[in-house]
PDB file of N, CA and C in Angstrom:
ATOM      1  N   MET A   1     -11.699 -15.790 -16.561  1.00  0.00           N
ATOM      2  CA  MET A   1     -11.832 -14.276 -16.733  1.00  0.00           C
ATOM      3  C   MET A   1     -11.034 -13.877 -18.041  1.00  0.00           C
ATOM      4  N   GLU A   2     -11.697 -12.964 -18.669  1.00  0.00           N
ATOM      5  CA  GLU A   2     -10.985 -12.429 -19.927  1.00  0.00           C
ATOM      6  C   GLU A   2     -10.181 -11.330 -19.531  1.00  0.00           C
ATOM      7  N   ILE A   3      -8.878 -11.283 -20.041  1.00  0.00           N
ATOM      8  CA  ILE A   3      -7.939 -10.229 -19.434  1.00  0.00           C
ATOM      9  C   ILE A   3      -8.066  -9.071 -20.455  1.00  0.00           C
ATOM     10  N   MET A   4      -8.212  -7.841 -19.720  1.00  0.00           N
ATOM     11  CA  MET A   4      -8.521  -6.607 -20.502  1.00  0.00           C
ATOM     12  C   MET A   4      -7.458  -5.672 -20.226  1.00  0.00           C
ATOM     13  N   PRO A   5      -7.239  -4.629 -20.929  1.00  0.00           N
ATOM     14  CA  PRO A   5      -6.317  -3.504 -20.533  1.00  0.00           C
ATOM     15  C   PRO A   5      -7.015  -2.820 -19.118  1.00  0.00           C
ATOM     16  N   ILE A   6      -6.125  -2.240 -18.367  1.00  0.00           N
ATOM     17  CA  ILE A   6      -6.488  -1.517 -17.163  1.00  0.00           C
ATOM     18  C   ILE A   6      -6.546   0.044 -17.708  1.00  0.00           C
ATOM     19  N   LYS A   7      -7.838   0.487 -17.704  1.00  0.00           N
ATOM     20  CA  LYS A   7      -7.919   1.958 -18.363  1.00  0.00           C
ATOM     21  C   LYS A   7      -8.372   2.972 -17.283  1.00  0.00           C
ATOM     22  N   ASN A   8      -8.918   2.415 -15.949  1.00  0.00           N
ATOM     23  CA  ASN A   8      -9.357   3.277 -15.060  1.00  0.00           C
ATOM     24  C   ASN A   8      -9.241   2.614 -13.617  1.00  0.00           C
ATOM     25  N   GLU A   9      -9.612   3.308 -12.551  1.00  0.00           N
ATOM     26  CA  GLU A   9      -9.434   2.746 -11.259  1.00  0.00           C
ATOM     27  C   GLU A   9     -10.382   1.622 -10.949  1.00  0.00           C
ATOM     28  N   GLN A  10     -11.532   1.665 -11.697  1.00  0.00           N
ATOM     29  CA  GLN A  10     -12.397   0.401 -11.446  1.00  0.00           C
ATOM     30  C   GLN A  10     -11.801  -0.815 -12.002  1.00  0.00           C
ATOM     31  N   ASP A  11     -11.321  -0.633 -13.188  1.00  0.00           N
ATOM     32  CA  ASP A  11     -10.483  -1.930 -13.832  1.00  0.00           C
ATOM     33  C   ASP A  11      -9.314  -2.226 -12.973  1.00  0.00           C
ATOM     34  N   TYR A  12      -8.719  -1.351 -12.410  1.00  0.00           N
ATOM     35  CA  TYR A  12      -7.458  -1.557 -11.493  1.00  0.00           C
ATOM     36  C   TYR A  12      -7.995  -2.420 -10.262  1.00  0.00           C
ATOM     37  N   ASP A  13      -9.006  -1.934  -9.685  1.00  0.00           N
ATOM     38  CA  ASP A  13      -9.617  -2.650  -8.497  1.00  0.00           C
ATOM     39  C   ASP A  13     -10.044  -4.116  -8.880  1.00  0.00           C
ATOM     40  N   LYS A  14     -10.681  -4.161 -10.009  1.00  0.00           N
ATOM     41  CA  LYS A  14     -11.094  -5.726 -10.421  1.00  0.00           C
ATOM     42  C   LYS A  14      -9.810  -6.395 -10.692  1.00  0.00           C
ATOM     43  N   ALA A  15      -8.723  -5.913 -11.141  1.00  0.00           N
ATOM     44  CA  ALA A  15      -7.498  -6.723 -11.462  1.00  0.00           C
ATOM     45  C   ALA A  15      -6.913  -7.007 -10.115  1.00  0.00           C
ATOM     46  N   LEU A  16      -6.836  -6.182  -9.258  1.00  0.00           N
ATOM     47  CA  LEU A  16      -6.418  -6.426  -7.882  1.00  0.00           C
ATOM     48  C   LEU A  16      -7.177  -7.500  -7.279  1.00  0.00           C
ATOM     49  N   ASP A  17      -8.530  -7.438  -7.241  1.00  0.00           N
ATOM     50  CA  ASP A  17      -9.307  -8.517  -6.736  1.00  0.00           C
ATOM     51  C   ASP A  17      -8.880  -9.898  -7.267  1.00  0.00           C
ATOM     52  N   ARG A  18      -8.990  -9.867  -8.601  1.00  0.00           N
ATOM     53  CA  ARG A  18      -8.573 -11.180  -9.371  1.00  0.00           C
ATOM     54  C   ARG A  18      -7.192 -11.731  -9.075  1.00  0.00           C
ATOM     55  N   ILE A  19      -6.287 -10.782  -8.798  1.00  0.00           N
ATOM     56  CA  ILE A  19      -4.794 -11.342  -8.421  1.00  0.00           C
ATOM     57  C   ILE A  19      -5.024 -11.837  -7.088  1.00  0.00           C
ATOM     58  N   TYR A  20      -5.724 -11.234  -6.137  1.00  0.00           N
ATOM     59  CA  TYR A  20      -5.775 -11.864  -4.814  1.00  0.00           C
ATOM     60  C   TYR A  20      -6.441 -13.366  -4.834  1.00  0.00           C
ATOM     61  N   GLU A  21      -7.537 -13.397  -5.722  1.00  0.00           N
ATOM     62  CA  GLU A  21      -8.111 -14.749  -5.949  1.00  0.00           C
ATOM     63  C   GLU A  21      -7.113 -15.860  -6.473  1.00  0.00           C
ATOM     64  N   LEU A  22      -6.103 -15.266  -7.374  1.00  0.00           N
ATOM     65  CA  LEU A  22      -5.140 -16.228  -8.098  1.00  0.00           C
ATOM     66  C   LEU A  22      -3.834 -16.371  -7.324  1.00  0.00           C
ATOM     67  N   MET A  23      -3.791 -15.939  -6.112  1.00  0.00           N
ATOM     68  CA  MET A  23      -2.316 -15.852  -5.468  1.00  0.00           C
ATOM     69  C   MET A  23      -1.598 -17.237  -5.363  1.00  0.00           C
ATOM     70  N   ASP A  24      -2.521 -18.242  -5.152  1.00  0.00           N
ATOM     71  CA  ASP A  24      -2.056 -19.490  -4.988  1.00  0.00           C
ATOM     72  C   ASP A  24      -1.933 -20.424  -6.296  1.00  0.00           C
ATOM     73  N   ALA A  25      -2.075 -19.830  -7.520  1.00  0.00           N
ATOM     74  CA  ALA A  25      -1.972 -20.362  -8.763  1.00  0.00           C
ATOM     75  C   ALA A  25      -0.544 -20.942  -8.936  1.00  0.00           C
ATOM     76  N   LYS A  26      -0.498 -22.084  -9.418  1.00  0.00           N
ATOM     77  CA  LYS A  26       0.846 -22.732  -9.845  1.00  0.00           C
ATOM     78  C   LYS A  26       1.262 -22.056 -11.172  1.00  0.00           C
ATOM     79  N   LYS A  27       2.692 -21.962 -11.380  1.00  0.00           N
ATOM     80  CA  LYS A  27       3.238 -21.524 -12.629  1.00  0.00           C
ATOM     81  C   LYS A  27       3.041 -22.544 -13.767  1.00  0.00           C
ATOM     82  N   GLY A  28       2.787 -21.909 -14.935  1.00  0.00           N
ATOM     83  CA  GLY A  28       2.607 -23.071 -15.932  1.00  0.00           C
ATOM     84  C   GLY A  28       1.058 -23.395 -16.133  1.00  0.00           C
ATOM     85  N   THR A  29       0.311 -23.074 -15.167  1.00  0.00           N
ATOM     86  CA  THR A  29      -1.324 -23.365 -15.435  1.00  0.00           C
ATOM     87  C   THR A  29      -1.863 -22.106 -16.078  1.00  0.00           C
ATOM     88  N   LYS A  30      -3.223 -22.413 -16.376  1.00  0.00           N
ATOM     89  CA  LYS A  30      -4.020 -21.309 -16.970  1.00  0.00           C
ATOM     90  C   LYS A  30      -4.127 -20.233 -16.051  1.00  0.00           C
ATOM     91  N   GLU A  31      -4.371 -20.576 -14.723  1.00  0.00           N
ATOM     92  CA  GLU A  31      -4.543 -19.467 -13.630  1.00  0.00           C
ATOM     93  C   GLU A  31      -3.062 -18.811 -13.375  1.00  0.00           C
ATOM     94  N   GLY A  32      -1.986 -19.609 -13.482  1.00  0.00           N
ATOM     95  CA  GLY A  32      -0.778 -18.985 -13.140  1.00  0.00           C
ATOM     96  C   GLY A  32      -0.393 -18.104 -14.265  1.00  0.00           C
ATOM     97  N   ASP A  33      -0.742 -18.367 -15.529  1.00  0.00           N
ATOM     98  CA  ASP A  33      -0.579 -17.522 -16.679  1.00  0.00           C
ATOM     99  C   ASP A  33      -1.414 -16.199 -16.390  1.00  0.00           C
ATOM    100  N   GLU A  34      -2.548 -16.306 -16.135  1.00  0.00           N
ATOM    101  CA  GLU A  34      -3.457 -15.160 -15.938  1.00  0.00           C
ATOM    102  C   GLU A  34      -2.903 -14.289 -14.719  1.00  0.00           C
ATOM    103  N   LEU A  35      -2.402 -14.773 -13.667  1.00  0.00           N
ATOM    104  CA  LEU A  35      -1.762 -14.094 -12.694  1.00  0.00           C
ATOM    105  C   LEU A  35      -0.692 -13.292 -13.021  1.00  0.00           C
ATOM    106  N   GLU A  36       0.344 -13.829 -13.744  1.00  0.00           N
ATOM    107  CA  GLU A  36       1.348 -13.262 -14.398  1.00  0.00           C
ATOM    108  C   GLU A  36       1.155 -12.119 -15.308  1.00  0.00           C
ATOM    109  N   VAL A  37       0.085 -12.231 -15.983  1.00  0.00           N
ATOM    110  CA  VAL A  37      -0.277 -11.235 -17.122  1.00  0.00           C
ATOM    111  C   VAL A  37      -0.953  -9.999 -16.390  1.00  0.00           C
ATOM    112  N   LEU A  38      -1.834 -10.371 -15.367  1.00  0.00           N
ATOM    113  CA  LEU A  38      -2.637  -9.292 -14.661  1.00  0.00           C
ATOM    114  C   LEU A  38      -1.505  -8.536 -13.820  1.00  0.00           C
ATOM    115  N   SER A  39      -0.607  -9.338 -13.185  1.00  0.00           N
ATOM    116  CA  SER A  39       0.402  -8.741 -12.424  1.00  0.00           C
ATOM    117  C   SER A  39       1.349  -7.506 -13.212  1.00  0.00           C
ATOM    118  N   ILE A  40       1.547  -7.917 -14.502  1.00  0.00           N
ATOM    119  CA  ILE A  40       2.319  -6.989 -15.434  1.00  0.00           C
ATOM    120  C   ILE A  40       1.421  -5.818 -15.699  1.00  0.00           C
ATOM    121  N   LEU A  41       0.086  -6.085 -15.974  1.00  0.00           N
ATOM    122  CA  LEU A  41      -0.763  -4.954 -16.240  1.00  0.00           C
ATOM    123  C   LEU A  41      -0.952  -3.988 -14.970  1.00  0.00           C
ATOM    124  N   VAL A  42      -0.998  -4.546 -13.906  1.00  0.00           N
ATOM    125  CA  VAL A  42      -1.306  -3.743 -12.694  1.00  0.00           C
ATOM    126  C   VAL A  42      -0.035  -2.931 -12.363  1.00  0.00           C
ATOM    127  N   GLU A  43       1.115  -3.580 -12.584  1.00  0.00           N
ATOM    128  CA  GLU A  43       2.480  -2.902 -12.358  1.00  0.00           C
ATOM    129  C   GLU A  43       2.648  -1.783 -13.272  1.00  0.00           C
ATOM    130  N   ASN A  44       2.225  -1.911 -14.572  1.00  0.00           N
ATOM    131  CA  ASN A  44       2.356  -0.850 -15.603  1.00  0.00           C
ATOM    132  C   ASN A  44       1.303   0.260 -15.259  1.00  0.00           C
ATOM    133  N   TYR A  45       0.122  -0.104 -14.728  1.00  0.00           N
ATOM    134  CA  TYR A  45      -0.888   1.032 -14.409  1.00  0.00           C
ATOM    135  C   TYR A  45      -0.386   1.968 -13.187  1.00  0.00           C
ATOM    136  N   GLU A  46       0.064   0.998 -12.170  1.00  0.00           N
ATOM    137  CA  GLU A  46       0.624   1.647 -11.002  1.00  0.00           C
ATOM    138  C   GLU A  46       1.703   2.550 -11.328  1.00  0.00           C
ATOM    139  N   SER A  47       2.721   2.113 -12.235  1.00  0.00           N
ATOM    140  CA  SER A  47       3.843   2.908 -12.431  1.00  0.00           C
ATOM    141  C   SER A  47       3.550   4.334 -13.119  1.00  0.00           C
ATOM    142  N   ILE A  48       2.260   4.438 -13.981  1.00  0.00           N
ATOM    143  CA  ILE A  48       1.819   5.576 -14.521  1.00  0.00           C
ATOM    144  C   ILE A  48       0.978   6.297 -13.638  1.00  0.00           C
ATOM    145  N   HIS A  49       0.025   5.746 -13.006  1.00  0.00           N
ATOM    146  CA  HIS A  49      -1.046   6.386 -12.166  1.00  0.00           C
ATOM    147  C   HIS A  49      -0.900   6.518 -10.600  1.00  0.00           C
ATOM    148  N   HIS A  50       0.153   5.693 -10.152  1.00  0.00           N
ATOM    149  CA  HIS A  50       0.410   5.808  -8.649  1.00  0.00           C
ATOM    150  C   HIS A  50       2.012   5.651  -8.518  1.00  0.00           C
ATOM    151  N   PRO A  51       2.579   6.681  -9.159  1.00  0.00           N
ATOM    152  CA  PRO A  51       4.058   6.380  -9.086  1.00  0.00           C
ATOM    153  C   PRO A  51       4.711   6.893  -7.595  1.00  0.00           C
ATOM    154  N   ILE A  52       5.671   6.062  -7.178  1.00  0.00           N
ATOM    155  CA  ILE A  52       6.341   6.224  -5.816  1.00  0.00           C
ATOM    156  C   ILE A  52       7.605   6.943  -6.061  1.00  0.00           C
ATOM    157  N   GLY A  53       7.470   8.065  -5.327  1.00  0.00           N
ATOM    158  CA  GLY A  53       8.607   9.090  -5.633  1.00  0.00           C
ATOM    159  C   GLY A  53       9.844   8.714  -4.810  1.00  0.00           C
ATOM    160  N   LEU A  54      10.941   9.277  -4.877  1.00  0.00           N
ATOM    161  CA  LEU A  54      12.242   8.918  -4.377  1.00  0.00           C
ATOM    162  C   LEU A  54      12.018   9.399  -2.862  1.00  0.00           C
ATOM    163  N   PRO A  55      12.816   8.738  -1.909  1.00  0.00           N
ATOM    164  CA  PRO A  55      12.803   9.056  -0.437  1.00  0.00           C
ATOM    165  C   PRO A  55      13.498  10.435  -0.189  1.00  0.00           C
ATOM    166  N   ASP A  56      13.038  10.980   0.837  1.00  0.00           N
ATOM    167  CA  ASP A  56      13.975  12.115   1.427  1.00  0.00           C
ATOM    168  C   ASP A  56      15.441  11.651   1.625  1.00  0.00           C
ATOM    169  N   PRO A  57      16.277  12.489   1.238  1.00  0.00           N
ATOM    170  CA  PRO A  57      17.762  12.159   1.280  1.00  0.00           C
ATOM    171  C   PRO A  57      18.160  11.889   2.867  1.00  0.00           C
ATOM    172  N   VAL A  58      17.718  12.637   3.712  1.00  0.00           N
ATOM    173  CA  VAL A  58      18.123  12.475   5.257  1.00  0.00           C
ATOM    174  C   VAL A  58      17.302  11.161   5.706  1.00  0.00           C
ATOM    175  N   GLU A  59      16.245  10.845   5.327  1.00  0.00           N
ATOM    176  CA  GLU A  59      15.437   9.748   5.633  1.00  0.00           C
ATOM    177  C   GLU A  59      16.128   8.489   5.172  1.00  0.00           C
ATOM    178  N   ALA A  60      16.627   8.675   3.901  1.00  0.00           N
ATOM    179  CA  ALA A  60      17.369   7.434   3.149  1.00  0.00           C
ATOM    180  C   ALA A  60      18.685   7.204   3.970  1.00  0.00           C
ATOM    181  N   ILE A  61      19.381   8.253   4.441  1.00  0.00           N
ATOM    182  CA  ILE A  61      20.598   8.131   5.264  1.00  0.00           C
ATOM    183  C   ILE A  61      20.242   7.335   6.513  1.00  0.00           C
ATOM    184  N   LYS A  62      19.153   7.834   7.175  1.00  0.00           N
ATOM    185  CA  LYS A  62      18.890   7.225   8.407  1.00  0.00           C
ATOM    186  C   LYS A  62      18.518   5.676   8.355  1.00  0.00           C
ATOM    187  N   PHE A  63      17.593   5.481   7.174  1.00  0.00           N
ATOM    188  CA  PHE A  63      17.110   4.047   6.902  1.00  0.00           C
ATOM    189  C   PHE A  63      18.601   3.212   6.805  1.00  0.00           C
ATOM    190  N   LYS A  64      19.518   3.682   5.794  1.00  0.00           N
ATOM    191  CA  LYS A  64      20.692   2.868   5.604  1.00  0.00           C
ATOM    192  C   LYS A  64      21.368   2.769   6.802  1.00  0.00           C
ATOM    193  N   MET A  65      21.410   3.669   7.759  1.00  0.00           N
ATOM    194  CA  MET A  65      22.171   3.626   9.007  1.00  0.00           C
ATOM    195  C   MET A  65      21.507   2.428   9.818  1.00  0.00           C
ATOM    196  N   GLU A  66      20.150   2.439   9.913  1.00  0.00           N
ATOM    197  CA  GLU A  66      19.558   1.353  10.585  1.00  0.00           C
ATOM    198  C   GLU A  66      19.772  -0.055  10.012  1.00  0.00           C
ATOM    199  N   GLN A  67      19.616  -0.126   8.694  1.00  0.00           N
ATOM    200  CA  GLN A  67      19.853  -1.412   8.091  1.00  0.00           C
ATOM    201  C   GLN A  67      21.421  -1.977   8.398  1.00  0.00           C
ATOM    202  N   MET A  68      22.387  -1.006   8.363  1.00  0.00           N
ATOM    203  CA  MET A  68      23.632  -1.386   8.592  1.00  0.00           C
ATOM    204  C   MET A  68      24.154  -1.173   9.993  1.00  0.00           C
ATOM    205  N   GLU A  69      23.178  -1.102  10.974  1.00  0.00           N
ATOM    206  CA  GLU A  69      23.472  -0.976  12.288  1.00  0.00           C
ATOM    207  C   GLU A  69      24.473  -0.081  12.677  1.00  0.00           C
ATOM    208  N   LEU A  70      24.441   1.256  12.014  1.00  0.00           N
ATOM    209  CA  LEU A  70      25.468   2.404  12.211  1.00  0.00           C
ATOM    210  C   LEU A  70      24.751   3.386  13.206  1.00  0.00           C
ATOM    211  N   ASN A  71      25.589   4.081  13.890  1.00  0.00           N
ATOM    212  CA  ASN A  71      25.211   5.070  14.672  1.00  0.00           C
ATOM    213  C   ASN A  71      25.720   6.523  14.021  1.00  0.00           C
ATOM    214  N   GLN A  72      25.596   7.573  14.690  1.00  0.00           N
ATOM    215  CA  GLN A  72      26.015   8.920  14.206  1.00  0.00           C
ATOM    216  C   GLN A  72      27.632   8.918  14.232  1.00  0.00           C
ATOM    217  N   LYS A  73      28.225   8.231  15.308  1.00  0.00           N
ATOM    218  CA  LYS A  73      29.587   8.302  15.197  1.00  0.00           C
ATOM    219  C   LYS A  73      30.286   7.661  13.982  1.00  0.00           C
ATOM    220  N   ASP A  74      29.496   6.793  13.481  1.00  0.00           N
ATOM    221  CA  ASP A  74      30.176   5.884  12.401  1.00  0.00           C
ATOM    222  C   ASP A  74      30.123   6.741  11.062  1.00  0.00           C
ATOM    223  N   LEU A  75      29.214   7.767  11.096  1.00  0.00           N
ATOM    224  CA  LEU A  75      29.294   8.580   9.869  1.00  0.00           C
ATOM    225  C   LEU A  75      30.419   9.829  10.016  1.00  0.00           C
ATOM    226  N   VAL A  76      30.872   9.982  11.207  1.00  0.00           N
ATOM    227  CA  VAL A  76      31.871  11.053  11.282  1.00  0.00           C
ATOM    228  C   VAL A  76      32.959  10.725  10.132  1.00  0.00           C
ATOM    229  N   GLY A  77      33.461   9.565   9.804  1.00  0.00           N
ATOM    230  CA  GLY A  77      34.540   9.228   8.969  1.00  0.00           C
ATOM    231  C   GLY A  77      34.075   9.599   7.436  1.00  0.00           C
ATOM    232  N   ILE A  78      32.659   9.592   7.314  1.00  0.00           N
ATOM    233  CA  ILE A  78      32.023   9.958   5.821  1.00  0.00           C
ATOM    234  C   ILE A  78      31.824  11.431   5.910  1.00  0.00           C
ATOM    235  N   LEU A  79      31.174  12.048   7.027  1.00  0.00           N
ATOM    236  CA  LEU A  79      30.724  13.421   6.704  1.00  0.00           C
ATOM    237  C   LEU A  79      31.641  14.483   7.349  1.00  0.00           C
ATOM    238  N   GLY A  80      32.505  13.956   8.386  1.00  0.00           N
ATOM    239  CA  GLY A  80      33.477  14.929   8.979  1.00  0.00           C
ATOM    240  C   GLY A  80      33.134  14.985  10.496  1.00  0.00           C
ATOM    241  N   PHE A  81      33.082  16.094  11.025  1.00  0.00           N
ATOM    242  CA  PHE A  81      32.802  16.240  12.529  1.00  0.00           C
ATOM    243  C   PHE A  81      31.600  15.761  13.011  1.00  0.00           C
ATOM    244  N   PRO A  82      31.602  15.292  14.373  1.00  0.00           N
ATOM    245  CA  PRO A  82      30.171  14.995  14.929  1.00  0.00           C
ATOM    246  C   PRO A  82      29.219  15.973  14.829  1.00  0.00           C
ATOM    247  N   SER A  83      29.470  17.214  14.986  1.00  0.00           N
ATOM    248  CA  SER A  83      28.565  18.287  14.799  1.00  0.00           C
ATOM    249  C   SER A  83      27.963  18.381  13.491  1.00  0.00           C
ATOM    250  N   ARG A  84      28.726  18.136  12.355  1.00  0.00           N
ATOM    251  CA  ARG A  84      28.245  18.162  11.070  1.00  0.00           C
ATOM    252  C   ARG A  84      27.431  16.920  10.805  1.00  0.00           C
ATOM    253  N   VAL A  85      27.757  15.847  11.323  1.00  0.00           N
ATOM    254  CA  VAL A  85      26.717  14.646  11.170  1.00  0.00           C
ATOM    255  C   VAL A  85      25.515  14.902  11.746  1.00  0.00           C
ATOM    256  N   SER A  86      25.244  15.558  12.974  1.00  0.00           N
ATOM    257  CA  SER A  86      24.161  15.984  13.671  1.00  0.00           C
ATOM    258  C   SER A  86      23.407  16.866  12.872  1.00  0.00           C
ATOM    259  N   GLU A  87      24.130  17.909  12.253  1.00  0.00           N
ATOM    260  CA  GLU A  87      23.391  18.973  11.603  1.00  0.00           C
ATOM    261  C   GLU A  87      22.794  18.477  10.287  1.00  0.00           C
ATOM    262  N   VAL A  88      23.410  17.557   9.673  1.00  0.00           N
ATOM    263  CA  VAL A  88      22.857  16.755   8.449  1.00  0.00           C
ATOM    264  C   VAL A  88      21.772  15.886   8.874  1.00  0.00           C
ATOM    265  N   LEU A  89      21.855  15.181   9.853  1.00  0.00           N
ATOM    266  CA  LEU A  89      20.793  14.388  10.186  1.00  0.00           C
ATOM    267  C   LEU A  89      19.427  15.069  10.810  1.00  0.00           C
ATOM    268  N   SER A  90      19.692  16.439  11.221  1.00  0.00           N
ATOM    269  CA  SER A  90      18.415  17.225  11.719  1.00  0.00           C
ATOM    270  C   SER A  90      18.150  18.145  10.781  1.00  0.00           C
ATOM    271  N   LYS A  91      18.602  18.014   9.429  1.00  0.00           N
ATOM    272  CA  LYS A  91      18.294  18.886   8.198  1.00  0.00           C
ATOM    273  C   LYS A  91      18.552  20.419   8.445  1.00  0.00           C
ATOM    274  N   LYS A  92      19.702  20.584   9.301  1.00  0.00           N
ATOM    275  CA  LYS A  92      20.079  22.011   9.543  1.00  0.00           C
ATOM    276  C   LYS A  92      21.158  22.304   8.540  1.00  0.00           C
ATOM    277  N   ARG A  93      21.841  21.269   7.903  1.00  0.00           N
ATOM    278  CA  ARG A  93      22.893  21.452   7.111  1.00  0.00           C
ATOM    279  C   ARG A  93      22.508  20.560   5.653  1.00  0.00           C
ATOM    280  N   LYS A  94      22.785  21.380   4.447  1.00  0.00           N
ATOM    281  CA  LYS A  94      22.612  20.676   3.290  1.00  0.00           C
ATOM    282  C   LYS A  94      23.756  19.625   3.095  1.00  0.00           C
ATOM    283  N   LEU A  95      23.513  18.782   2.250  1.00  0.00           N
ATOM    284  CA  LEU A  95      24.618  17.840   1.795  1.00  0.00           C
ATOM    285  C   LEU A  95      25.471  18.601   0.693  1.00  0.00           C
ATOM    286  N   THR A  96      26.788  18.533   0.829  1.00  0.00           N
ATOM    287  CA  THR A  96      27.652  18.884  -0.162  1.00  0.00           C
ATOM    288  C   THR A  96      27.706  17.872  -1.134  1.00  0.00           C
ATOM    289  N   LEU A  97      28.608  18.247  -2.268  1.00  0.00           N
ATOM    290  CA  LEU A  97      28.700  17.348  -3.387  1.00  0.00           C
ATOM    291  C   LEU A  97      29.734  16.236  -2.837  1.00  0.00           C
ATOM    292  N   ASP A  98      30.759  16.585  -2.141  1.00  0.00           N
ATOM    293  CA  ASP A  98      31.683  15.781  -1.517  1.00  0.00           C
ATOM    294  C   ASP A  98      31.024  14.768  -0.519  1.00  0.00           C
ATOM    295  N   MET A  99      30.003  15.290   0.221  1.00  0.00           N
ATOM    296  CA  MET A  99      29.288  14.285   1.148  1.00  0.00           C
ATOM    297  C   MET A  99      28.515  13.292   0.272  1.00  0.00           C
ATOM    298  N   ILE A 100      27.826  13.830  -0.496  1.00  0.00           N
ATOM    299  CA  ILE A 100      26.780  12.975  -1.472  1.00  0.00           C
ATOM    300  C   ILE A 100      27.783  11.865  -2.077  1.00  0.00           C
ATOM    301  N   ARG A 101      29.006  12.256  -2.603  1.00  0.00           N
ATOM    302  CA  ARG A 101      29.890  11.185  -3.223  1.00  0.00           C
ATOM    303  C   ARG A 101      30.278  10.188  -2.194  1.00  0.00           C
ATOM    304  N   LYS A 102      30.599  10.586  -0.834  1.00  0.00           N
ATOM    305  CA  LYS A 102      31.121   9.787   0.097  1.00  0.00           C
ATOM    306  C   LYS A 102      29.843   8.825   0.558  1.00  0.00           C
ATOM    307  N   LEU A 103      28.590   9.454   0.720  1.00  0.00           N
ATOM    308  CA  LEU A 103      27.492   8.702   1.207  1.00  0.00           C
ATOM    309  C   LEU A 103      27.052   7.481   0.074  1.00  0.00           C
ATOM    310  N   ASN A 104      27.230   8.011  -1.146  1.00  0.00           N
ATOM    311  CA  ASN A 104      27.095   7.011  -2.171  1.00  0.00           C
ATOM    312  C   ASN A 104      27.985   5.806  -2.127  1.00  0.00           C
ATOM    313  N   LYS A 105      29.360   6.106  -2.001  1.00  0.00           N
ATOM    314  CA  LYS A 105      30.417   5.235  -1.983  1.00  0.00           C
ATOM    315  C   LYS A 105      30.239   4.100  -0.674  1.00  0.00           C
ATOM    316  N   HIS A 106      30.119   4.820   0.311  1.00  0.00           N
ATOM    317  CA  HIS A 106      30.266   4.165   1.698  1.00  0.00           C
ATOM    318  C   HIS A 106      28.889   3.460   2.065  1.00  0.00           C
ATOM    319  N   LEU A 107      27.705   4.004   1.811  1.00  0.00           N
ATOM    320  CA  LEU A 107      26.496   3.386   2.124  1.00  0.00           C
ATOM    321  C   LEU A 107      25.607   3.107   1.069  1.00  0.00           C
ATOM    322  N   SER A 108      26.136   3.164  -0.328  1.00  0.00           N
ATOM    323  CA  SER A 108      25.439   2.730  -1.434  1.00  0.00           C
ATOM    324  C   SER A 108      23.981   3.367  -1.552  1.00  0.00           C
ATOM    325  N   ILE A 109      23.903   4.532  -1.247  1.00  0.00           N
ATOM    326  CA  ILE A 109      22.669   5.298  -1.330  1.00  0.00           C
ATOM    327  C   ILE A 109      22.602   5.952  -2.764  1.00  0.00           C
ATOM    328  N   PRO A 110      21.658   5.605  -3.655  1.00  0.00           N
ATOM    329  CA  PRO A 110      21.834   6.259  -4.886  1.00  0.00           C
ATOM    330  C   PRO A 110      21.968   7.772  -5.002  1.00  0.00           C
ATOM    331  N   THR A 111      22.845   8.240  -5.857  1.00  0.00           N
ATOM    332  CA  THR A 111      22.970   9.634  -5.981  1.00  0.00           C
ATOM    333  C   THR A 111      21.680  10.409  -6.119  1.00  0.00           C
ATOM    334  N   GLU A 112      20.824   9.789  -7.137  1.00  0.00           N
ATOM    335  CA  GLU A 112      19.555  10.527  -7.347  1.00  0.00           C
ATOM    336  C   GLU A 112      18.822  10.768  -6.042  1.00  0.00           C
ATOM    337  N   VAL A 113      18.920   9.957  -5.099  1.00  0.00           N
ATOM    338  CA  VAL A 113      18.103  10.297  -3.832  1.00  0.00           C
ATOM    339  C   VAL A 113      18.831  11.389  -3.197  1.00  0.00           C
ATOM    340  N   LEU A 114      20.228  11.380  -2.912  1.00  0.00           N
ATOM    341  CA  LEU A 114      20.877  12.331  -2.251  1.00  0.00           C
ATOM    342  C   LEU A 114      20.781  13.679  -2.862  1.00  0.00           C
ATOM    343  N   VAL A 115      20.888  13.895  -4.061  1.00  0.00           N
ATOM    344  CA  VAL A 115      20.827  15.236  -4.514  1.00  0.00           C
ATOM    345  C   VAL A 115      19.572  16.020  -4.679  1.00  0.00           C
ATOM    346  N   GLN A 116      18.502  15.285  -3.999  1.00  0.00           N
ATOM    347  CA  GLN A 116      17.214  15.940  -3.890  1.00  0.00           C
ATOM    348  C   GLN A 116      17.153  17.097  -2.929  1.00  0.00           C
ATOM    349  N   GLU A 117      16.350  18.175  -3.225  1.00  0.00           N
ATOM    350  CA  GLU A 117      16.124  19.237  -2.224  1.00  0.00           C
ATOM    351  C   GLU A 117      15.388  18.557  -1.054  1.00  0.00           C
ATOM    352  N   TYR A 118      15.597  19.138   0.125  1.00  0.00           N
ATOM    353  CA  TYR A 118      14.773  18.760   1.284  1.00  0.00           C
ATOM    354  C   TYR A 118      14.610  19.982   2.252  1.00  0.00           C
TER     355      TYR A 118
END
């Protein structure tokens, strides 16, 4: 297959179909090289036409809590009182700058995620 730029959704769909066909291609082969180039083209097209936004700040906190096997009590040391933790997780209280700094430091949640409006 001749590799062409991805200019529209039809080109994008064709590239995805071809990538699927090439999934088992070995690196260093003609098919492996084609897979690599097509993957780069698809990734570039997706970043422009199908961007993935940042997650909701509270959902990011909950996700990180799940990953780290933390419960609400574990956040008391970071956010303050148990009632404050509950209010933040139920979106009844906005994150303060101090909370954002602590969540970033202790849970490694990117600041750009935490500072978003919700």
